[in-house]
PDB file of N, CA and C in Angstrom:
ATOM      1  N   MET A   1      -9.624   9.394   8.238  1.00  0.00           N
ATOM      2  CA  MET A   1      -9.386   8.156   8.834  1.00  0.00           C
ATOM      3  C   MET A   1     -10.340   6.892   8.188  1.00  0.00           C
ATOM      4  N   SER A   2      -9.392   6.045   8.072  1.00  0.00           N
ATOM      5  CA  SER A   2      -9.698   4.909   7.264  1.00  0.00           C
ATOM      6  C   SER A   2     -10.046   3.770   8.099  1.00  0.00           C
ATOM      7  N   GLY A   3      -9.349   3.650   8.975  1.00  0.00           N
ATOM      8  CA  GLY A   3      -9.814   2.569   9.762  1.00  0.00           C
ATOM      9  C   GLY A   3      -9.519   0.847   9.617  1.00  0.00           C
ATOM     10  N   ARG A   4      -8.956   0.849   8.039  1.00  0.00           N
ATOM     11  CA  ARG A   4      -8.483  -0.625   7.740  1.00  0.00           C
ATOM     12  C   ARG A   4      -7.345  -0.957   8.710  1.00  0.00           C
ATOM     13  N   GLY A   5      -7.528  -2.122   8.758  1.00  0.00           N
ATOM     14  CA  GLY A   5      -6.641  -2.836   9.307  1.00  0.00           C
ATOM     15  C   GLY A   5      -4.989  -3.908   8.412  1.00  0.00           C
ATOM     16  N   PRO A   6      -4.769  -4.673   8.940  1.00  0.00           N
ATOM     17  CA  PRO A   6      -4.327  -5.417   8.052  1.00  0.00           C
ATOM     18  C   PRO A   6      -4.941  -6.522   6.940  1.00  0.00           C
ATOM     19  N   GLY A   7      -4.764  -6.504   5.932  1.00  0.00           N
ATOM     20  CA  GLY A   7      -5.399  -7.412   4.814  1.00  0.00           C
ATOM     21  C   GLY A   7      -5.854  -8.606   5.147  1.00  0.00           C
ATOM     22  N   PHE A   8      -5.144  -9.354   6.584  1.00  0.00           N
ATOM     23  CA  PHE A   8      -5.323 -10.994   6.309  1.00  0.00           C
ATOM     24  C   PHE A   8      -5.075 -11.525   8.157  1.00  0.00           C
ATOM     25  N   VAL A   9      -5.751 -11.861   8.888  1.00  0.00           N
ATOM     26  CA  VAL A   9      -5.650 -12.370   9.880  1.00  0.00           C
ATOM     27  C   VAL A   9      -6.164 -13.646  10.073  1.00  0.00           C
ATOM     28  N   VAL A  10      -5.590 -14.429  11.175  1.00  0.00           N
ATOM     29  CA  VAL A  10      -5.766 -15.839  11.357  1.00  0.00           C
ATOM     30  C   VAL A  10      -5.948 -15.896  12.877  1.00  0.00           C
ATOM     31  N   LEU A  11      -6.628 -16.204  13.522  1.00  0.00           N
ATOM     32  CA  LEU A  11      -7.263 -16.448  14.989  1.00  0.00           C
ATOM     33  C   LEU A  11      -6.814 -18.014  15.357  1.00  0.00           C
ATOM     34  N   TYR A  12      -5.958 -18.189  16.038  1.00  0.00           N
ATOM     35  CA  TYR A  12      -6.287 -19.846  16.222  1.00  0.00           C
ATOM     36  C   TYR A  12      -6.316 -19.811  18.226  1.00  0.00           C
ATOM     37  N   ARG A  13      -7.068 -21.060  18.408  1.00  0.00           N
ATOM     38  CA  ARG A  13      -7.033 -21.308  19.417  1.00  0.00           C
ATOM     39  C   ARG A  13      -6.642 -22.729  19.708  1.00  0.00           C
ATOM     40  N   TRP A  14      -6.300 -23.126  21.234  1.00  0.00           N
ATOM     41  CA  TRP A  14      -5.751 -23.796  21.724  1.00  0.00           C
ATOM     42  C   TRP A  14      -6.491 -24.153  23.503  1.00  0.00           C
ATOM     43  N   ARG A  15      -6.414 -25.298  23.660  1.00  0.00           N
ATOM     44  CA  ARG A  15      -6.680 -26.089  24.515  1.00  0.00           C
ATOM     45  C   ARG A  15      -5.095 -26.744  25.487  1.00  0.00           C
ATOM     46  N   LEU A  16      -4.914 -26.121  26.462  1.00  0.00           N
ATOM     47  CA  LEU A  16      -3.270 -27.220  27.108  1.00  0.00           C
ATOM     48  C   LEU A  16      -3.437 -27.553  28.005  1.00  0.00           C
ATOM     49  N   HIS A  17      -2.324 -28.807  28.096  1.00  0.00           N
ATOM     50  CA  HIS A  17      -2.114 -29.710  29.069  1.00  0.00           C
ATOM     51  C   HIS A  17      -1.688 -28.985  29.950  1.00  0.00           C
ATOM     52  N   PRO A  18      -2.226 -28.928  31.237  1.00  0.00           N
ATOM     53  CA  PRO A  18      -1.947 -28.594  32.689  1.00  0.00           C
ATOM     54  C   PRO A  18      -0.603 -28.758  32.863  1.00  0.00           C
ATOM     55  N   GLY A  19       0.257 -27.829  33.317  1.00  0.00           N
ATOM     56  CA  GLY A  19       1.395 -27.549  33.449  1.00  0.00           C
ATOM     57  C   GLY A  19       2.162 -26.838  32.416  1.00  0.00           C
ATOM     58  N   MET A  20       1.916 -27.296  31.008  1.00  0.00           N
ATOM     59  CA  MET A  20       2.519 -26.868  29.959  1.00  0.00           C
ATOM     60  C   MET A  20       2.582 -25.159  29.191  1.00  0.00           C
ATOM     61  N   GLU A  21       1.849 -24.332  30.389  1.00  0.00           N
ATOM     62  CA  GLU A  21       1.860 -22.913  29.649  1.00  0.00           C
ATOM     63  C   GLU A  21       3.089 -22.322  29.230  1.00  0.00           C
ATOM     64  N   GLU A  22       4.301 -22.627  29.678  1.00  0.00           N
ATOM     65  CA  GLU A  22       5.329 -21.797  29.421  1.00  0.00           C
ATOM     66  C   GLU A  22       6.014 -22.611  28.369  1.00  0.00           C
ATOM     67  N   ALA A  23       6.009 -23.654  28.625  1.00  0.00           N
ATOM     68  CA  ALA A  23       6.695 -24.188  27.100  1.00  0.00           C
ATOM     69  C   ALA A  23       6.027 -24.300  25.799  1.00  0.00           C
ATOM     70  N   PHE A  24       4.938 -24.047  25.899  1.00  0.00           N
ATOM     71  CA  PHE A  24       3.944 -23.594  24.723  1.00  0.00           C
ATOM     72  C   PHE A  24       4.327 -21.716  24.277  1.00  0.00           C
ATOM     73  N   ILE A  25       4.165 -21.355  25.399  1.00  0.00           N
ATOM     74  CA  ILE A  25       4.632 -19.377  25.586  1.00  0.00           C
ATOM     75  C   ILE A  25       6.168 -19.073  24.705  1.00  0.00           C
ATOM     76  N   GLU A  26       6.585 -20.114  25.298  1.00  0.00           N
ATOM     77  CA  GLU A  26       8.647 -20.084  24.898  1.00  0.00           C
ATOM     78  C   GLU A  26       8.549 -20.686  23.158  1.00  0.00           C
ATOM     79  N   ALA A  27       7.620 -21.659  22.809  1.00  0.00           N
ATOM     80  CA  ALA A  27       8.068 -22.262  21.432  1.00  0.00           C
ATOM     81  C   ALA A  27       7.350 -21.557  20.696  1.00  0.00           C
ATOM     82  N   TRP A  28       5.434 -20.693  20.905  1.00  0.00           N
ATOM     83  CA  TRP A  28       5.248 -19.967  20.161  1.00  0.00           C
ATOM     84  C   TRP A  28       5.594 -18.515  20.080  1.00  0.00           C
ATOM     85  N   SER A  29       6.524 -18.276  20.991  1.00  0.00           N
ATOM     86  CA  SER A  29       7.373 -16.934  20.745  1.00  0.00           C
ATOM     87  C   SER A  29       8.196 -16.959  19.602  1.00  0.00           C
ATOM     88  N   ARG A  30       9.518 -18.328  19.828  1.00  0.00           N
ATOM     89  CA  ARG A  30      10.443 -18.397  18.874  1.00  0.00           C
ATOM     90  C   ARG A  30       9.307 -18.830  17.440  1.00  0.00           C
ATOM     91  N   ILE A  31       8.687 -18.976  17.069  1.00  0.00           N
ATOM     92  CA  ILE A  31       7.971 -19.404  16.227  1.00  0.00           C
ATOM     93  C   ILE A  31       6.966 -17.895  15.457  1.00  0.00           C
ATOM     94  N   THR A  32       6.903 -17.810  15.963  1.00  0.00           N
ATOM     95  CA  THR A  32       6.444 -16.133  16.192  1.00  0.00           C
ATOM     96  C   THR A  32       7.665 -14.757  15.517  1.00  0.00           C
ATOM     97  N   ALA A  33       8.617 -15.067  16.122  1.00  0.00           N
ATOM     98  CA  ALA A  33       9.598 -14.371  15.288  1.00  0.00           C
ATOM     99  C   ALA A  33      10.387 -14.764  14.196  1.00  0.00           C
ATOM    100  N   HIS A  34      10.351 -16.010  13.858  1.00  0.00           N
ATOM    101  CA  HIS A  34      10.789 -16.821  12.602  1.00  0.00           C
ATOM    102  C   HIS A  34       9.523 -16.408  11.627  1.00  0.00           C
ATOM    103  N   TYR A  35       7.999 -16.044  11.874  1.00  0.00           N
ATOM    104  CA  TYR A  35       7.515 -15.719  10.729  1.00  0.00           C
ATOM    105  C   TYR A  35       7.599 -14.402  10.972  1.00  0.00           C
ATOM    106  N   ARG A  36       7.808 -13.353  11.625  1.00  0.00           N
ATOM    107  CA  ARG A  36       8.230 -11.775  11.489  1.00  0.00           C
ATOM    108  C   ARG A  36       9.319 -11.618  10.529  1.00  0.00           C
ATOM    109  N   GLU A  37      10.130 -12.210  10.552  1.00  0.00           N
ATOM    110  CA  GLU A  37      11.482 -12.456   9.150  1.00  0.00           C
ATOM    111  C   GLU A  37      10.961 -13.090   8.331  1.00  0.00           C
ATOM    112  N   LYS A  38       9.957 -13.656   7.954  1.00  0.00           N
ATOM    113  CA  LYS A  38       9.523 -14.490   6.683  1.00  0.00           C
ATOM    114  C   LYS A  38       8.311 -13.333   5.831  1.00  0.00           C
ATOM    115  N   GLY A  39       8.001 -12.278   6.810  1.00  0.00           N
ATOM    116  CA  GLY A  39       6.812 -11.005   6.406  1.00  0.00           C
ATOM    117  C   GLY A  39       6.153 -11.077   7.345  1.00  0.00           C
ATOM    118  N   SER A  40       5.537 -12.281   8.231  1.00  0.00           N
ATOM    119  CA  SER A  40       3.824 -11.789   9.163  1.00  0.00           C
ATOM    120  C   SER A  40       4.237 -10.389   9.616  1.00  0.00           C
ATOM    121  N   LEU A  41       3.117  -9.721  10.374  1.00  0.00           N
ATOM    122  CA  LEU A  41       2.916  -8.402  10.334  1.00  0.00           C
ATOM    123  C   LEU A  41       3.021  -8.660  11.941  1.00  0.00           C
ATOM    124  N   GLY A  42       3.217  -9.800  12.611  1.00  0.00           N
ATOM    125  CA  GLY A  42       3.428 -10.049  14.142  1.00  0.00           C
ATOM    126  C   GLY A  42       1.728 -10.821  14.997  1.00  0.00           C
ATOM    127  N   SER A  43       1.590 -10.908  15.697  1.00  0.00           N
ATOM    128  CA  SER A  43       1.266 -11.587  16.177  1.00  0.00           C
ATOM    129  C   SER A  43       0.945 -11.474  18.026  1.00  0.00           C
ATOM    130  N   ARG A  44      -0.040 -12.006  18.191  1.00  0.00           N
ATOM    131  CA  ARG A  44      -0.369 -11.582  20.010  1.00  0.00           C
ATOM    132  C   ARG A  44      -0.801 -13.269  20.325  1.00  0.00           C
ATOM    133  N   LEU A  45      -0.254 -13.498  21.383  1.00  0.00           N
ATOM    134  CA  LEU A  45      -1.167 -14.562  22.636  1.00  0.00           C
ATOM    135  C   LEU A  45      -1.827 -14.182  24.011  1.00  0.00           C
ATOM    136  N   HIS A  46      -2.770 -14.678  24.069  1.00  0.00           N
ATOM    137  CA  HIS A  46      -3.885 -14.558  25.121  1.00  0.00           C
ATOM    138  C   HIS A  46      -4.410 -15.665  26.152  1.00  0.00           C
ATOM    139  N   ARG A  47      -4.601 -15.299  27.037  1.00  0.00           N
ATOM    140  CA  ARG A  47      -5.455 -16.583  27.621  1.00  0.00           C
ATOM    141  C   ARG A  47      -6.623 -16.091  28.022  1.00  0.00           C
ATOM    142  N   GLY A  48      -7.894 -16.977  27.908  1.00  0.00           N
ATOM    143  CA  GLY A  48      -9.213 -16.595  27.697  1.00  0.00           C
ATOM    144  C   GLY A  48      -9.359 -16.689  28.779  1.00  0.00           C
ATOM    145  N   SER A  49     -10.727 -16.463  29.418  1.00  0.00           N
ATOM    146  CA  SER A  49     -11.509 -16.162  30.795  1.00  0.00           C
ATOM    147  C   SER A  49     -11.989 -17.918  30.923  1.00  0.00           C
ATOM    148  N   ASP A  50     -11.955 -18.421  29.570  1.00  0.00           N
ATOM    149  CA  ASP A  50     -12.309 -19.910  29.722  1.00  0.00           C
ATOM    150  C   ASP A  50     -11.249 -21.223  29.634  1.00  0.00           C
ATOM    151  N   GLY A  51     -10.145 -20.113  29.967  1.00  0.00           N
ATOM    152  CA  GLY A  51      -9.194 -21.341  30.065  1.00  0.00           C
ATOM    153  C   GLY A  51      -8.649 -21.528  28.763  1.00  0.00           C
ATOM    154  N   LEU A  52      -8.495 -21.221  27.533  1.00  0.00           N
ATOM    155  CA  LEU A  52      -8.111 -21.646  26.182  1.00  0.00           C
ATOM    156  C   LEU A  52      -6.933 -20.085  26.183  1.00  0.00           C
ATOM    157  N   PHE A  53      -6.036 -21.070  24.957  1.00  0.00           N
ATOM    158  CA  PHE A  53      -5.395 -19.657  24.612  1.00  0.00           C
ATOM    159  C   PHE A  53      -5.514 -19.176  23.133  1.00  0.00           C
ATOM    160  N   TYR A  54      -5.252 -18.304  22.979  1.00  0.00           N
ATOM    161  CA  TYR A  54      -6.028 -17.451  21.872  1.00  0.00           C
ATOM    162  C   TYR A  54      -4.747 -16.917  21.043  1.00  0.00           C
ATOM    163  N   GLY A  55      -4.093 -17.016  19.920  1.00  0.00           N
ATOM    164  CA  GLY A  55      -3.757 -16.225  18.872  1.00  0.00           C
ATOM    165  C   GLY A  55      -3.803 -15.895  17.939  1.00  0.00           C
ATOM    166  N   TYR A  56      -3.011 -15.170  17.678  1.00  0.00           N
ATOM    167  CA  TYR A  56      -3.586 -14.093  16.253  1.00  0.00           C
ATOM    168  C   TYR A  56      -2.423 -13.456  15.722  1.00  0.00           C
ATOM    169  N   ALA A  57      -2.594 -14.218  14.315  1.00  0.00           N
ATOM    170  CA  ALA A  57      -1.595 -13.213  13.353  1.00  0.00           C
ATOM    171  C   ALA A  57      -1.708 -12.901  11.946  1.00  0.00           C
ATOM    172  N   GLN A  58      -1.217 -11.282  12.121  1.00  0.00           N
ATOM    173  CA  GLN A  58      -1.360 -10.754  10.935  1.00  0.00           C
ATOM    174  C   GLN A  58      -0.560 -10.994   9.734  1.00  0.00           C
ATOM    175  N   TRP A  59      -1.163 -10.704   8.833  1.00  0.00           N
ATOM    176  CA  TRP A  59      -0.167 -11.210   7.595  1.00  0.00           C
ATOM    177  C   TRP A  59      -0.738 -10.040   6.394  1.00  0.00           C
ATOM    178  N   PRO A  60       0.362  -9.644   5.670  1.00  0.00           N
ATOM    179  CA  PRO A  60      -0.263  -8.739   4.185  1.00  0.00           C
ATOM    180  C   PRO A  60      -1.400  -9.077   3.799  1.00  0.00           C
ATOM    181  N   SER A  61      -0.981 -10.759   3.275  1.00  0.00           N
ATOM    182  CA  SER A  61      -2.244 -11.360   2.777  1.00  0.00           C
ATOM    183  C   SER A  61      -2.192 -12.982   3.217  1.00  0.00           C
ATOM    184  N   ASP A  62      -3.009 -13.695   2.524  1.00  0.00           N
ATOM    185  CA  ASP A  62      -2.587 -15.015   2.987  1.00  0.00           C
ATOM    186  C   ASP A  62      -1.828 -15.879   1.673  1.00  0.00           C
ATOM    187  N   ALA A  63      -1.551 -15.078   0.672  1.00  0.00           N
ATOM    188  CA  ALA A  63      -0.448 -15.227  -0.178  1.00  0.00           C
ATOM    189  C   ALA A  63       0.887 -15.027   0.776  1.00  0.00           C
ATOM    190  N   ALA A  64       0.718 -14.156   1.162  1.00  0.00           N
ATOM    191  CA  ALA A  64       2.261 -14.118   1.723  1.00  0.00           C
ATOM    192  C   ALA A  64       2.534 -15.167   3.400  1.00  0.00           C
ATOM    193  N   ARG A  65       1.070 -14.935   4.075  1.00  0.00           N
ATOM    194  CA  ARG A  65       1.213 -16.318   4.543  1.00  0.00           C
ATOM    195  C   ARG A  65       1.753 -17.823   4.106  1.00  0.00           C
ATOM    196  N   GLN A  66       1.243 -18.024   2.700  1.00  0.00           N
ATOM    197  CA  GLN A  66       1.771 -19.287   2.597  1.00  0.00           C
ATOM    198  C   GLN A  66       2.885 -19.196   1.985  1.00  0.00           C
ATOM    199  N   ASN A  67       3.177 -18.621   1.544  1.00  0.00           N
ATOM    200  CA  ASN A  67       4.565 -18.057   1.281  1.00  0.00           C
ATOM    201  C   ASN A  67       5.632 -18.589   2.141  1.00  0.00           C
ATOM    202  N   ALA A  68       5.584 -18.072   3.732  1.00  0.00           N
ATOM    203  CA  ALA A  68       6.398 -18.310   4.739  1.00  0.00           C
ATOM    204  C   ALA A  68       6.504 -19.126   5.039  1.00  0.00           C
ATOM    205  N   PHE A  69       5.188 -20.347   5.050  1.00  0.00           N
ATOM    206  CA  PHE A  69       5.295 -21.190   5.460  1.00  0.00           C
ATOM    207  C   PHE A  69       5.536 -22.401   4.692  1.00  0.00           C
ATOM    208  N   THR A  70       6.433 -22.398   3.494  1.00  0.00           N
ATOM    209  CA  THR A  70       7.017 -22.905   2.563  1.00  0.00           C
ATOM    210  C   THR A  70       8.496 -23.194   3.714  1.00  0.00           C
ATOM    211  N   GLU A  71       8.919 -21.890   4.277  1.00  0.00           N
ATOM    212  CA  GLU A  71      10.352 -22.505   5.364  1.00  0.00           C
ATOM    213  C   GLU A  71       9.737 -22.177   6.505  1.00  0.00           C
ATOM    214  N   PRO A  72       9.453 -23.496   7.520  1.00  0.00           N
ATOM    215  CA  PRO A  72       9.322 -23.444   8.569  1.00  0.00           C
ATOM    216  C   PRO A  72      10.438 -23.116   9.449  1.00  0.00           C
ATOM    217  N   GLY A  73      10.224 -22.655  10.632  1.00  0.00           N
ATOM    218  CA  GLY A  73      11.197 -22.818  11.686  1.00  0.00           C
ATOM    219  C   GLY A  73      11.817 -23.740  12.066  1.00  0.00           C
ATOM    220  N   ASP A  74      12.320 -23.771  13.519  1.00  0.00           N
ATOM    221  CA  ASP A  74      13.014 -24.807  13.877  1.00  0.00           C
ATOM    222  C   ASP A  74      11.671 -26.253  14.531  1.00  0.00           C
ATOM    223  N   PRO A  75      11.700 -27.787  13.776  1.00  0.00           N
ATOM    224  CA  PRO A  75      11.077 -28.095  14.381  1.00  0.00           C
ATOM    225  C   PRO A  75      10.812 -28.498  15.712  1.00  0.00           C
ATOM    226  N   ALA A  76      11.611 -28.536  16.176  1.00  0.00           N
ATOM    227  CA  ALA A  76      12.045 -28.728  17.849  1.00  0.00           C
ATOM    228  C   ALA A  76      10.749 -27.605  18.483  1.00  0.00           C
ATOM    229  N   ASP A  77      10.249 -26.756  17.867  1.00  0.00           N
ATOM    230  CA  ASP A  77       9.688 -25.562  18.650  1.00  0.00           C
ATOM    231  C   ASP A  77       8.266 -26.535  18.367  1.00  0.00           C
ATOM    232  N   ALA A  78       8.015 -26.457  16.630  1.00  0.00           N
ATOM    233  CA  ALA A  78       7.157 -27.181  16.065  1.00  0.00           C
ATOM    234  C   ALA A  78       6.705 -28.581  17.616  1.00  0.00           C
ATOM    235  N   GLU A  79       7.277 -28.997  17.719  1.00  0.00           N
ATOM    236  CA  GLU A  79       6.731 -30.114  17.970  1.00  0.00           C
ATOM    237  C   GLU A  79       6.863 -29.817  19.979  1.00  0.00           C
ATOM    238  N   ARG A  80       7.806 -29.138  20.896  1.00  0.00           N
ATOM    239  CA  ARG A  80       6.769 -28.330  22.031  1.00  0.00           C
ATOM    240  C   ARG A  80       5.745 -27.817  22.032  1.00  0.00           C
ATOM    241  N   MET A  81       5.621 -27.002  21.017  1.00  0.00           N
ATOM    242  CA  MET A  81       4.288 -26.408  20.888  1.00  0.00           C
ATOM    243  C   MET A  81       2.827 -27.455  20.723  1.00  0.00           C
ATOM    244  N   ARG A  82       3.082 -28.633  19.831  1.00  0.00           N
ATOM    245  CA  ARG A  82       2.261 -29.805  19.809  1.00  0.00           C
ATOM    246  C   ARG A  82       2.207 -30.207  21.235  1.00  0.00           C
ATOM    247  N   SER A  83       3.026 -30.540  21.397  1.00  0.00           N
ATOM    248  CA  SER A  83       2.865 -31.690  22.788  1.00  0.00           C
ATOM    249  C   SER A  83       2.115 -30.717  23.565  1.00  0.00           C
ATOM    250  N   ALA A  84       2.202 -29.656  23.975  1.00  0.00           N
ATOM    251  CA  ALA A  84       1.800 -28.676  25.057  1.00  0.00           C
ATOM    252  C   ALA A  84       0.386 -28.814  24.910  1.00  0.00           C
ATOM    253  N   VAL A  85       0.026 -29.130  23.621  1.00  0.00           N
ATOM    254  CA  VAL A  85      -1.928 -29.057  23.156  1.00  0.00           C
ATOM    255  C   VAL A  85      -2.665 -30.057  23.570  1.00  0.00           C
ATOM    256  N   ALA A  86      -3.299 -29.882  24.389  1.00  0.00           N
ATOM    257  CA  ALA A  86      -4.499 -31.296  24.872  1.00  0.00           C
ATOM    258  C   ALA A  86      -5.593 -31.232  23.045  1.00  0.00           C
ATOM    259  N   GLU A  87      -5.991 -29.760  22.771  1.00  0.00           N
ATOM    260  CA  GLU A  87      -7.016 -29.745  21.880  1.00  0.00           C
ATOM    261  C   GLU A  87      -6.917 -28.697  20.993  1.00  0.00           C
ATOM    262  N   ARG A  88      -6.359 -28.636  19.872  1.00  0.00           N
ATOM    263  CA  ARG A  88      -6.602 -27.710  18.825  1.00  0.00           C
ATOM    264  C   ARG A  88      -7.835 -26.964  17.878  1.00  0.00           C
ATOM    265  N   PHE A  89      -8.434 -26.165  18.103  1.00  0.00           N
ATOM    266  CA  PHE A  89      -9.295 -26.126  17.323  1.00  0.00           C
ATOM    267  C   PHE A  89      -9.241 -25.655  15.869  1.00  0.00           C
ATOM    268  N   PRO A  90      -9.952 -25.358  14.942  1.00  0.00           N
ATOM    269  CA  PRO A  90     -10.012 -25.001  13.771  1.00  0.00           C
ATOM    270  C   PRO A  90      -9.746 -23.711  13.849  1.00  0.00           C
ATOM    271  N   GLU A  91      -8.500 -23.383  13.144  1.00  0.00           N
ATOM    272  CA  GLU A  91      -7.900 -21.985  12.601  1.00  0.00           C
ATOM    273  C   GLU A  91      -9.670 -21.131  12.160  1.00  0.00           C
ATOM    274  N   ILE A  92      -9.292 -19.560  12.426  1.00  0.00           N
ATOM    275  CA  ILE A  92     -10.374 -18.818  11.643  1.00  0.00           C
ATOM    276  C   ILE A  92      -9.566 -17.932  10.786  1.00  0.00           C
ATOM    277  N   GLN A  93     -10.130 -17.654   9.642  1.00  0.00           N
ATOM    278  CA  GLN A  93      -9.471 -16.490   8.834  1.00  0.00           C
ATOM    279  C   GLN A  93     -10.570 -15.520   9.041  1.00  0.00           C
ATOM    280  N   LEU A  94      -9.521 -14.020   9.556  1.00  0.00           N
ATOM    281  CA  LEU A  94     -10.576 -12.959   9.325  1.00  0.00           C
ATOM    282  C   LEU A  94     -10.365 -11.868   8.531  1.00  0.00           C
ATOM    283  N   GLU A  95     -11.028 -11.010   8.215  1.00  0.00           N
ATOM    284  CA  GLU A  95     -10.460 -10.187   7.069  1.00  0.00           C
ATOM    285  C   GLU A  95     -11.169  -8.981   8.311  1.00  0.00           C
ATOM    286  N   SER A  96      -9.871  -7.846   7.836  1.00  0.00           N
ATOM    287  CA  SER A  96      -9.984  -6.448   8.973  1.00  0.00           C
ATOM    288  C   SER A  96     -11.034  -5.478   7.832  1.00  0.00           C
ATOM    289  N   LEU A  97     -12.108  -5.319   8.968  1.00  0.00           N
ATOM    290  CA  LEU A  97     -13.312  -4.218   8.291  1.00  0.00           C
ATOM    291  C   LEU A  97     -12.678  -2.541   9.274  1.00  0.00           C
ATOM    292  N   ALA A  98     -12.146  -2.331  10.552  1.00  0.00           N
ATOM    293  CA  ALA A  98     -12.305  -1.124  11.116  1.00  0.00           C
ATOM    294  C   ALA A  98     -11.053  -1.867  12.038  1.00  0.00           C
ATOM    295  N   ASP A  99     -10.053  -0.453  12.457  1.00  0.00           N
ATOM    296  CA  ASP A  99      -9.455  -1.124  13.199  1.00  0.00           C
ATOM    297  C   ASP A  99      -8.590   0.270  13.800  1.00  0.00           C
ATOM    298  N   TYR A 100      -9.070   0.091  14.838  1.00  0.00           N
ATOM    299  CA  TYR A 100      -8.756   1.592  15.713  1.00  0.00           C
ATOM    300  C   TYR A 100      -8.018   1.349  16.856  1.00  0.00           C
ATOM    301  N   LEU A 101      -7.472  -0.129  16.990  1.00  0.00           N
ATOM    302  CA  LEU A 101      -6.472  -0.349  18.479  1.00  0.00           C
ATOM    303  C   LEU A 101      -5.133   0.212  18.092  1.00  0.00           C
ATOM    304  N   VAL A 102      -4.681   1.275  19.328  1.00  0.00           N
ATOM    305  CA  VAL A 102      -3.838   1.758  19.172  1.00  0.00           C
ATOM    306  C   VAL A 102      -2.741   1.145  20.199  1.00  0.00           C
ATOM    307  N   LEU A 103      -1.768   0.941  19.699  1.00  0.00           N
ATOM    308  CA  LEU A 103      -0.793   0.167  20.045  1.00  0.00           C
ATOM    309  C   LEU A 103       0.403   1.031  21.615  1.00  0.00           C
ATOM    310  N   PRO A 104       0.455   0.210  22.551  1.00  0.00           N
ATOM    311  CA  PRO A 104       1.630   1.167  23.319  1.00  0.00           C
ATOM    312  C   PRO A 104       2.923   1.428  23.091  1.00  0.00           C
ATOM    313  N   ALA A 105       3.655   2.942  23.409  1.00  0.00           N
ATOM    314  CA  ALA A 105       4.312   3.247  22.551  1.00  0.00           C
ATOM    315  C   ALA A 105       5.586   1.999  23.033  1.00  0.00           C
ATOM    316  N   GLN A 106       6.635   1.771  22.383  1.00  0.00           N
ATOM    317  CA  GLN A 106       7.657   0.637  22.326  1.00  0.00           C
ATOM    318  C   GLN A 106       8.545   1.175  23.403  1.00  0.00           C
ATOM    319  N   ALA A 107       9.398   0.758  24.239  1.00  0.00           N
ATOM    320  CA  ALA A 107      10.318   0.603  25.282  1.00  0.00           C
ATOM    321  C   ALA A 107      11.825   1.514  24.025  1.00  0.00           C
ATOM    322  N   GLY A 108      11.853   2.687  24.506  1.00  0.00           N
ATOM    323  CA  GLY A 108      12.744   3.522  23.659  1.00  0.00           C
ATOM    324  C   GLY A 108      12.467   4.281  22.821  1.00  0.00           C
ATOM    325  N   SER A 109      11.416   3.983  22.635  1.00  0.00           N
ATOM    326  CA  SER A 109      11.359   4.857  21.434  1.00  0.00           C
ATOM    327  C   SER A 109      10.540   6.550  21.367  1.00  0.00           C
ATOM    328  N   ALA A 110      10.836   7.011  20.891  1.00  0.00           N
ATOM    329  CA  ALA A 110       9.926   9.011  21.320  1.00  0.00           C
ATOM    330  C   ALA A 110       8.545   8.520  21.472  1.00  0.00           C
ATOM    331  N   GLY A 111       8.343   9.550  21.799  1.00  0.00           N
ATOM    332  CA  GLY A 111       6.656   9.416  21.877  1.00  0.00           C
ATOM    333  C   GLY A 111       6.042  10.515  22.456  1.00  0.00           C
TER     334      GLY A 111
END
């Protein structure tokens, strides 16, 4: 059991304008789908008990992430996200050291 996770993870944090949460989630979801097509290993979005929104994206490497960013998705989605954000905090790059997250079975898969 190695416990090693994906090679590169980035943590994002935002404080949103009140009432803009759904617009942000929808735009974030479309942007995430775009980057999955460009090599991302996926991402998740959470709301913290502190009111901040937290997202993290997994990538095979920083190089894969930088390569994917050369082909940005729909600029309207990026603008919707920017408009929803009241405060953006610096991203945090994480190295995976141990990973024992168990993912729930996907709908429709054998399990």
